[in-house]
Amino acid sequence: MTEKKVLIIEDDEDIREGIRILLESEQYTVTEAENGKKGLQLLEEDTSLVILDVMMPGMTGLRTCEEIRKVSNVPVLFLTAKSQESDKLIGLMAGGDDYLTKPFSYAELLGRVKALIRRYRVYMGSRIEETDDNEYLERAGIRISRLINEVYIEGRETELSNIEYKILLLMMQHSGKIFSAQNLYESIWEEPYFYSCNSTVMVHIRKLRTKIEKDPKNPRYIKTLWGKGYRFETVHS
């Protein structure tokens, strides 16, 4: 994946043009779509990043992201005019990886783009590694590949987002260890932690539980230790 391909899905032509000019000056290949339906048609297997507006007529950005997640783990950067924490969390729940609130600086946008693509390339690069009997890690009925996003819960293959997979793998590799929100954020997102990042971690833990737990409200695997953080349990009562 040597080419950096970015898909912009945004109904505002001026915003699309500004982002395109910025990214092309940084040697990105840019494809544009003015709505979610066309954006889904233009999404390709080798797309490196999707920049997605939340508020669009017709198919909303949230719905578009949900459709993207059915076929791809490509990073999704939401653009939103709303700044309330609840709106940001809704975007993450829909499968987004990060968000920017309008108006934003091009420097901030470029920083987010580079960080998301860098992490995605690390993930995709791992898929060409050779596999052997040591590829899989098994704990308490969960079998997870150390190399690619492949997870089985009691023998059933389970689809996780890239972030969810990385959280689960990290916690399973260190089962019994308590991870604070800061530990997880800095390890998975590879960025400095701020207090507001706690909500980002919480949302992804909640989504992960809905996919691996029989009863997400009474989790067997990922336990919350109030005031301390989260721990992967290997022994269940």
C-alpha atoms as a PDB file:
ATOM      1  CA  MET A   1       0.000   0.000   0.000  1.00  0.00           C
ATOM      2  CA  THR A   2       2.502   2.557  -1.230  1.00  0.00           C
ATOM      3  CA  GLU A   3      -0.035   5.076  -2.567  1.00  0.00           C
ATOM      4  CA  LYS A   4      -1.901   7.265  -0.092  1.00  0.00           C
ATOM      5  CA  LYS A   5      -5.507   7.395  -1.312  1.00  0.00           C
ATOM      6  CA  VAL A   6      -8.057   9.579   0.476  1.00  0.00           C
ATOM      7  CA  LEU A   7     -11.798   9.625  -0.206  1.00  0.00           C
ATOM      8  CA  ILE A   8     -13.607  12.844   0.775  1.00  0.00           C
ATOM      9  CA  ILE A   9     -17.379  12.565   1.252  1.00  0.00           C
ATOM     10  CA  GLU A  10     -18.676  16.088   1.859  1.00  0.00           C
ATOM     11  CA  ASP A  11     -21.635  17.971   0.393  1.00  0.00           C
ATOM     12  CA  ASP A  12     -19.947  21.391   0.671  1.00  0.00           C
ATOM     13  CA  GLU A  13     -17.984  21.886  -2.553  1.00  0.00           C
ATOM     14  CA  ASP A  14     -15.749  24.606  -1.084  1.00  0.00           C
ATOM     15  CA  ILE A  15     -14.700  22.395   1.838  1.00  0.00           C
ATOM     16  CA  ARG A  16     -14.021  19.472  -0.499  1.00  0.00           C
ATOM     17  CA  GLU A  17     -11.892  21.653  -2.753  1.00  0.00           C
ATOM     18  CA  GLY A  18      -9.898  23.088   0.158  1.00  0.00           C
ATOM     19  CA  ILE A  19      -9.149  19.644   1.563  1.00  0.00           C
ATOM     20  CA  ARG A  20      -8.299  18.265  -1.881  1.00  0.00           C
ATOM     21  CA  ILE A  21      -5.834  21.055  -2.627  1.00  0.00           C
ATOM     22  CA  LEU A  22      -4.193  20.588   0.783  1.00  0.00           C
ATOM     23  CA  LEU A  23      -3.833  16.817   0.469  1.00  0.00           C
ATOM     24  CA  GLU A  24      -2.692  16.849  -3.143  1.00  0.00           C
ATOM     25  CA  SER A  25       0.053  19.301  -2.154  1.00  0.00           C
ATOM     26  CA  GLU A  26       1.193  16.574   0.273  1.00  0.00           C
ATOM     27  CA  GLN A  27       1.219  13.949  -2.521  1.00  0.00           C
ATOM     28  CA  TYR A  28      -2.058  12.253  -1.567  1.00  0.00           C
ATOM     29  CA  THR A  29      -4.357  10.886  -4.272  1.00  0.00           C
ATOM     30  CA  VAL A  30      -7.810  12.340  -3.612  1.00  0.00           C
ATOM     31  CA  THR A  31     -11.254  11.187  -4.720  1.00  0.00           C
ATOM     32  CA  GLU A  32     -14.336  13.306  -4.010  1.00  0.00           C
ATOM     33  CA  ALA A  33     -18.012  12.531  -3.480  1.00  0.00           C
ATOM     34  CA  GLU A  34     -20.809  14.964  -2.679  1.00  0.00           C
ATOM     35  CA  ASN A  35     -23.012  12.430  -0.888  1.00  0.00           C
ATOM     36  CA  GLY A  36     -22.873   9.144   0.957  1.00  0.00           C
ATOM     37  CA  LYS A  37     -24.290   7.007  -1.856  1.00  0.00           C
ATOM     38  CA  LYS A  38     -21.660   8.134  -4.344  1.00  0.00           C
ATOM     39  CA  GLY A  39     -18.961   7.864  -1.676  1.00  0.00           C
ATOM     40  CA  LEU A  40     -19.780   4.194  -1.119  1.00  0.00           C
ATOM     41  CA  GLN A  41     -19.505   3.605  -4.864  1.00  0.00           C
ATOM     42  CA  LEU A  42     -16.064   5.253  -4.941  1.00  0.00           C
ATOM     43  CA  LEU A  43     -14.693   3.394  -1.911  1.00  0.00           C
ATOM     44  CA  GLU A  44     -11.933   1.024  -3.054  1.00  0.00           C
ATOM     45  CA  GLU A  45     -10.046  -1.794  -1.395  1.00  0.00           C
ATOM     46  CA  ASP A  46      -6.840   0.252  -1.316  1.00  0.00           C
ATOM     47  CA  THR A  47      -8.426   3.462   0.034  1.00  0.00           C
ATOM     48  CA  SER A  48      -6.203   4.662   2.897  1.00  0.00           C
ATOM     49  CA  LEU A  49      -8.641   7.039   4.630  1.00  0.00           C
ATOM     50  CA  VAL A  50     -12.193   8.354   4.382  1.00  0.00           C
ATOM     51  CA  ILE A  51     -12.937  11.951   5.413  1.00  0.00           C
ATOM     52  CA  LEU A  52     -16.667  12.003   6.064  1.00  0.00           C
ATOM     53  CA  ASP A  53     -19.078  14.836   6.817  1.00  0.00           C
ATOM     54  CA  VAL A  54     -21.659  13.949   9.474  1.00  0.00           C
ATOM     55  CA  MET A  55     -24.503  16.223   8.349  1.00  0.00           C
ATOM     56  CA  MET A  56     -25.359  15.530   4.700  1.00  0.00           C
ATOM     57  CA  PRO A  57     -28.727  15.463   2.912  1.00  0.00           C
ATOM     58  CA  GLY A  58     -30.034  12.050   2.013  1.00  0.00           C
ATOM     59  CA  MET A  59     -27.730   9.418   3.505  1.00  0.00           C
ATOM     60  CA  THR A  60     -26.117  10.930   6.601  1.00  0.00           C
ATOM     61  CA  GLY A  61     -22.456  10.526   7.431  1.00  0.00           C
ATOM     62  CA  LEU A  62     -23.333   8.231  10.321  1.00  0.00           C
ATOM     63  CA  ARG A  63     -25.309   5.915   8.054  1.00  0.00           C
ATOM     64  CA  THR A  64     -22.571   6.057   5.434  1.00  0.00           C
ATOM     65  CA  CYS A  65     -19.989   5.056   8.030  1.00  0.00           C
ATOM     66  CA  GLU A  66     -22.119   2.109   9.129  1.00  0.00           C
ATOM     67  CA  GLU A  67     -22.258   0.932   5.508  1.00  0.00           C
ATOM     68  CA  ILE A  68     -18.490   1.375   5.117  1.00  0.00           C
ATOM     69  CA  ARG A  69     -17.906  -0.782   8.190  1.00  0.00           C
ATOM     70  CA  LYS A  70     -19.790  -3.651   6.575  1.00  0.00           C
ATOM     71  CA  VAL A  71     -17.071  -3.966   3.929  1.00  0.00           C
ATOM     72  CA  SER A  72     -13.916  -2.231   5.197  1.00  0.00           C
ATOM     73  CA  ASN A  73     -11.836  -1.317   8.251  1.00  0.00           C
ATOM     74  CA  VAL A  74     -10.457   1.795   6.512  1.00  0.00           C
ATOM     75  CA  PRO A  75     -10.002   4.688   8.982  1.00  0.00           C
ATOM     76  CA  VAL A  76     -12.877   7.193   9.008  1.00  0.00           C
ATOM     77  CA  LEU A  77     -12.315  10.810  10.045  1.00  0.00           C
ATOM     78  CA  PHE A  78     -15.601  12.579  10.761  1.00  0.00           C
ATOM     79  CA  LEU A  79     -16.105  16.277  10.043  1.00  0.00           C
ATOM     80  CA  THR A  80     -18.858  17.743  12.190  1.00  0.00           C
ATOM     81  CA  ALA A  81     -20.312  21.192  12.829  1.00  0.00           C
ATOM     82  CA  LYS A  82     -21.434  20.009  16.234  1.00  0.00           C
ATOM     83  CA  SER A  83     -19.115  20.250  19.211  1.00  0.00           C
ATOM     84  CA  GLN A  84     -21.183  18.581  21.935  1.00  0.00           C
ATOM     85  CA  GLU A  85     -19.506  15.520  23.430  1.00  0.00           C
ATOM     86  CA  SER A  86     -22.599  13.391  22.807  1.00  0.00           C
ATOM     87  CA  ASP A  87     -22.455  14.073  19.062  1.00  0.00           C
ATOM     88  CA  LYS A  88     -18.811  13.054  18.940  1.00  0.00           C
ATOM     89  CA  LEU A  89     -19.562   9.834  20.808  1.00  0.00           C
ATOM     90  CA  ILE A  90     -22.366   9.000  18.381  1.00  0.00           C
ATOM     91  CA  GLY A  91     -19.857   9.291  15.545  1.00  0.00           C
ATOM     92  CA  LEU A  92     -17.458   6.908  17.269  1.00  0.00           C
ATOM     93  CA  MET A  93     -20.297   4.486  17.987  1.00  0.00           C
ATOM     94  CA  ALA A  94     -21.132   4.466  14.258  1.00  0.00           C
ATOM     95  CA  GLY A  95     -17.607   3.219  13.526  1.00  0.00           C
ATOM     96  CA  GLY A  96     -15.578   6.408  13.164  1.00  0.00           C
ATOM     97  CA  ASP A  97     -11.951   6.511  14.252  1.00  0.00           C
ATOM     98  CA  ASP A  98     -11.586  10.241  14.892  1.00  0.00           C
ATOM     99  CA  TYR A  99     -13.405  13.537  14.370  1.00  0.00           C
ATOM    100  CA  LEU A 100     -12.763  17.215  13.699  1.00  0.00           C
ATOM    101  CA  THR A 101     -15.167  20.005  14.578  1.00  0.00           C
ATOM    102  CA  LYS A 102     -15.775  22.689  11.957  1.00  0.00           C
ATOM    103  CA  PRO A 103     -14.209  25.158  11.521  1.00  0.00           C
ATOM    104  CA  PHE A 104     -10.817  23.431  11.747  1.00  0.00           C
ATOM    105  CA  SER A 105      -7.305  24.423  10.753  1.00  0.00           C
ATOM    106  CA  TYR A 106      -5.663  22.681   7.817  1.00  0.00           C
ATOM    107  CA  ALA A 107      -2.661  21.966  10.031  1.00  0.00           C
ATOM    108  CA  GLU A 108      -4.880  20.063  12.460  1.00  0.00           C
ATOM    109  CA  LEU A 109      -6.607  18.208   9.633  1.00  0.00           C
ATOM    110  CA  LEU A 110      -3.306  17.181   8.081  1.00  0.00           C
ATOM    111  CA  GLY A 111      -2.014  15.965  11.442  1.00  0.00           C
ATOM    112  CA  ARG A 112      -5.068  13.750  11.946  1.00  0.00           C
ATOM    113  CA  VAL A 113      -4.867  12.411   8.405  1.00  0.00           C
ATOM    114  CA  LYS A 114      -1.211  11.452   8.748  1.00  0.00           C
ATOM    115  CA  ALA A 115      -1.763   9.781  12.144  1.00  0.00           C
ATOM    116  CA  LEU A 116      -4.734   7.712  10.979  1.00  0.00           C
ATOM    117  CA  ILE A 117      -3.028   6.550   7.784  1.00  0.00           C
ATOM    118  CA  ARG A 118       0.181   5.726   9.667  1.00  0.00           C
ATOM    119  CA  ARG A 119      -1.687   3.461  12.089  1.00  0.00           C
ATOM    120  CA  TYR A 120      -3.648   1.848   9.270  1.00  0.00           C
ATOM    121  CA  ARG A 121      -0.468   1.101   7.323  1.00  0.00           C
ATOM    122  CA  VAL A 122       1.019  -0.631  10.361  1.00  0.00           C
ATOM    123  CA  TYR A 123      -2.116  -2.772  10.588  1.00  0.00           C
ATOM    124  CA  MET A 124      -2.205  -3.557   6.851  1.00  0.00           C
ATOM    125  CA  GLY A 125       1.520  -4.261   6.750  1.00  0.00           C
ATOM    126  CA  SER A 126       1.113  -6.941   9.376  1.00  0.00           C
ATOM    127  CA  ARG A 127      -1.183  -8.879   7.042  1.00  0.00           C
ATOM    128  CA  ILE A 128       1.695  -9.938   4.786  1.00  0.00           C
ATOM    129  CA  GLU A 129       3.692 -11.456   7.621  1.00  0.00           C
ATOM    130  CA  GLU A 130       4.078 -15.210   7.520  1.00  0.00           C
ATOM    131  CA  THR A 131       1.762 -17.217   9.778  1.00  0.00           C
ATOM    132  CA  ASP A 132       2.523 -20.212  11.958  1.00  0.00           C
ATOM    133  CA  ASP A 133       1.205 -21.969  15.048  1.00  0.00           C
ATOM    134  CA  ASN A 134       2.271 -19.023  17.187  1.00  0.00           C
ATOM    135  CA  GLU A 135       0.117 -16.583  15.236  1.00  0.00           C
ATOM    136  CA  TYR A 136      -2.933 -17.126  17.437  1.00  0.00           C
ATOM    137  CA  LEU A 137      -3.393 -16.231  21.081  1.00  0.00           C
ATOM    138  CA  GLU A 138      -6.102 -18.048  23.033  1.00  0.00           C
ATOM    139  CA  ARG A 139      -7.587 -16.948  26.343  1.00  0.00           C
ATOM    140  CA  ALA A 140     -10.849 -18.016  28.002  1.00  0.00           C
ATOM    141  CA  GLY A 141     -12.589 -19.095  24.810  1.00  0.00           C
ATOM    142  CA  ILE A 142     -11.302 -16.228  22.648  1.00  0.00           C
ATOM    143  CA  ARG A 143      -8.880 -16.984  19.803  1.00  0.00           C
ATOM    144  CA  ILE A 144      -7.210 -13.942  18.242  1.00  0.00           C
ATOM    145  CA  SER A 145      -4.556 -13.565  15.567  1.00  0.00           C
ATOM    146  CA  ARG A 146      -1.448 -11.627  16.554  1.00  0.00           C
ATOM    147  CA  LEU A 147      -0.970 -10.523  12.939  1.00  0.00           C
ATOM    148  CA  ILE A 148      -4.320  -9.702  11.360  1.00  0.00           C
ATOM    149  CA  ASN A 149      -7.797  -8.673  12.481  1.00  0.00           C
ATOM    150  CA  GLU A 150      -9.159 -12.187  12.935  1.00  0.00           C
ATOM    151  CA  VAL A 151     -11.051 -13.071  16.109  1.00  0.00           C
ATOM    152  CA  TYR A 152     -13.076 -16.102  17.173  1.00  0.00           C
ATOM    153  CA  ILE A 153     -15.372 -16.116  20.211  1.00  0.00           C
ATOM    154  CA  GLU A 154     -15.996 -19.711  21.315  1.00  0.00           C
ATOM    155  CA  GLY A 155     -15.337 -20.852  17.751  1.00  0.00           C
ATOM    156  CA  ARG A 156     -17.479 -18.190  16.061  1.00  0.00           C
ATOM    157  CA  GLU A 157     -15.707 -15.628  13.874  1.00  0.00           C
ATOM    158  CA  THR A 158     -16.438 -12.105  15.076  1.00  0.00           C
ATOM    159  CA  GLU A 159     -15.960  -8.894  13.092  1.00  0.00           C
ATOM    160  CA  LEU A 160     -14.138  -6.133  14.986  1.00  0.00           C
ATOM    161  CA  SER A 161     -13.014  -2.689  13.868  1.00  0.00           C
ATOM    162  CA  ASN A 162      -9.274  -2.075  13.700  1.00  0.00           C
ATOM    163  CA  ILE A 163      -9.314  -0.141  16.992  1.00  0.00           C
ATOM    164  CA  GLU A 164     -11.415  -2.775  18.763  1.00  0.00           C
ATOM    165  CA  TYR A 165      -9.097  -5.528  17.551  1.00  0.00           C
ATOM    166  CA  LYS A 166      -6.009  -3.686  18.784  1.00  0.00           C
ATOM    167  CA  ILE A 167      -7.571  -3.052  22.203  1.00  0.00           C
ATOM    168  CA  LEU A 168      -8.570  -6.694  22.603  1.00  0.00           C
ATOM    169  CA  LEU A 169      -5.191  -8.010  21.443  1.00  0.00           C
ATOM    170  CA  LEU A 170      -3.297  -5.708  23.807  1.00  0.00           C
ATOM    171  CA  MET A 171      -5.445  -6.672  26.787  1.00  0.00           C
ATOM    172  CA  MET A 172      -5.274 -10.392  25.999  1.00  0.00           C
ATOM    173  CA  GLN A 173      -1.498 -10.240  25.659  1.00  0.00           C
ATOM    174  CA  HIS A 174      -1.406  -8.828  29.197  1.00  0.00           C
ATOM    175  CA  SER A 175      -4.376 -10.593  30.763  1.00  0.00           C
ATOM    176  CA  GLY A 176      -4.870  -9.688  34.405  1.00  0.00           C
ATOM    177  CA  LYS A 177      -3.130  -6.321  33.994  1.00  0.00           C
ATOM    178  CA  ILE A 178      -5.170  -3.218  34.801  1.00  0.00           C
ATOM    179  CA  PHE A 179      -5.130  -0.707  31.930  1.00  0.00           C
ATOM    180  CA  SER A 180      -6.119   2.848  32.726  1.00  0.00           C
ATOM    181  CA  ALA A 181      -7.850   4.893  30.046  1.00  0.00           C
ATOM    182  CA  GLN A 182      -4.563   6.726  29.572  1.00  0.00           C
ATOM    183  CA  ASN A 183      -2.650   3.440  29.141  1.00  0.00           C
ATOM    184  CA  LEU A 184      -5.056   2.293  26.454  1.00  0.00           C
ATOM    185  CA  TYR A 185      -5.279   5.591  24.606  1.00  0.00           C
ATOM    186  CA  GLU A 186      -1.549   6.173  24.406  1.00  0.00           C
ATOM    187  CA  SER A 187      -0.884   2.534  23.429  1.00  0.00           C
ATOM    188  CA  ILE A 188      -3.602   2.226  20.771  1.00  0.00           C
ATOM    189  CA  TRP A 189      -3.948   5.742  19.394  1.00  0.00           C
ATOM    190  CA  GLU A 190      -0.245   6.553  19.891  1.00  0.00           C
ATOM    191  CA  GLU A 191      -1.069  10.143  20.818  1.00  0.00           C
ATOM    192  CA  PRO A 192      -0.811  12.215  24.031  1.00  0.00           C
ATOM    193  CA  TYR A 193      -3.693  11.617  26.424  1.00  0.00           C
ATOM    194  CA  PHE A 194      -6.040  14.357  27.565  1.00  0.00           C
ATOM    195  CA  TYR A 195      -8.957  13.961  29.951  1.00  0.00           C
ATOM    196  CA  SER A 196     -11.479  14.202  27.103  1.00  0.00           C
ATOM    197  CA  CYS A 197      -9.882  11.089  25.555  1.00  0.00           C
ATOM    198  CA  ASN A 198     -11.449   9.029  28.330  1.00  0.00           C
ATOM    199  CA  SER A 199     -14.779   9.167  26.494  1.00  0.00           C
ATOM    200  CA  THR A 200     -13.151   7.869  23.311  1.00  0.00           C
ATOM    201  CA  VAL A 201     -11.739   4.865  25.179  1.00  0.00           C
ATOM    202  CA  MET A 202     -15.039   4.245  26.963  1.00  0.00           C
ATOM    203  CA  VAL A 203     -17.004   4.196  23.696  1.00  0.00           C
ATOM    204  CA  HIS A 204     -14.656   1.678  22.072  1.00  0.00           C
ATOM    205  CA  ILE A 205     -14.691  -0.572  25.159  1.00  0.00           C
ATOM    206  CA  ARG A 206     -18.497  -0.465  25.111  1.00  0.00           C
ATOM    207  CA  LYS A 207     -18.606  -1.364  21.419  1.00  0.00           C
ATOM    208  CA  LEU A 208     -16.073  -4.162  21.901  1.00  0.00           C
ATOM    209  CA  ARG A 209     -18.170  -5.632  24.691  1.00  0.00           C
ATOM    210  CA  THR A 210     -21.277  -5.710  22.497  1.00  0.00           C
ATOM    211  CA  LYS A 211     -19.363  -7.928  20.075  1.00  0.00           C
ATOM    212  CA  ILE A 212     -17.537 -10.337  22.401  1.00  0.00           C
ATOM    213  CA  GLU A 213     -19.755 -10.551  25.491  1.00  0.00           C
ATOM    214  CA  LYS A 214     -22.944 -12.588  25.821  1.00  0.00           C
ATOM    215  CA  ASP A 215     -24.191  -9.956  28.281  1.00  0.00           C
ATOM    216  CA  PRO A 216     -22.358  -6.658  27.684  1.00  0.00           C
ATOM    217  CA  LYS A 217     -23.868  -5.140  30.836  1.00  0.00           C
ATOM    218  CA  ASN A 218     -22.386  -7.979  32.882  1.00  0.00           C
ATOM    219  CA  PRO A 219     -19.105  -8.636  31.050  1.00  0.00           C
ATOM    220  CA  ARG A 220     -17.111 -11.831  31.514  1.00  0.00           C
ATOM    221  CA  TYR A 221     -13.979 -10.819  29.644  1.00  0.00           C
ATOM    222  CA  ILE A 222     -13.323  -7.093  29.973  1.00  0.00           C
ATOM    223  CA  LYS A 223     -13.989  -5.970  33.524  1.00  0.00           C
ATOM    224  CA  THR A 224     -14.189  -2.382  34.730  1.00  0.00           C
ATOM    225  CA  LEU A 225     -12.353  -1.590  37.939  1.00  0.00           C
ATOM    226  CA  TRP A 226     -13.882   1.688  39.000  1.00  0.00           C
ATOM    227  CA  GLY A 227     -11.338   4.429  39.462  1.00  0.00           C
ATOM    228  CA  LYS A 228      -8.564   2.236  38.027  1.00  0.00           C
ATOM    229  CA  GLY A 229      -9.377   1.095  34.506  1.00  0.00           C
ATOM    230  CA  TYR A 230     -10.053  -2.137  32.625  1.00  0.00           C
ATOM    231  CA  ARG A 231      -8.758  -5.707  32.871  1.00  0.00           C
ATOM    232  CA  PHE A 232      -9.075  -8.801  30.709  1.00  0.00           C
ATOM    233  CA  GLU A 233     -10.192 -11.749  32.845  1.00  0.00           C
ATOM    234  CA  THR A 234      -9.131 -15.314  32.068  1.00  0.00           C
ATOM    235  CA  VAL A 235     -10.955 -16.981  34.981  1.00  0.00           C
ATOM    236  CA  HIS A 236     -14.728 -16.693  35.228  1.00  0.00           C
ATOM    237  CA  SER A 237     -16.994 -17.663  38.045  1.00  0.00           C
END
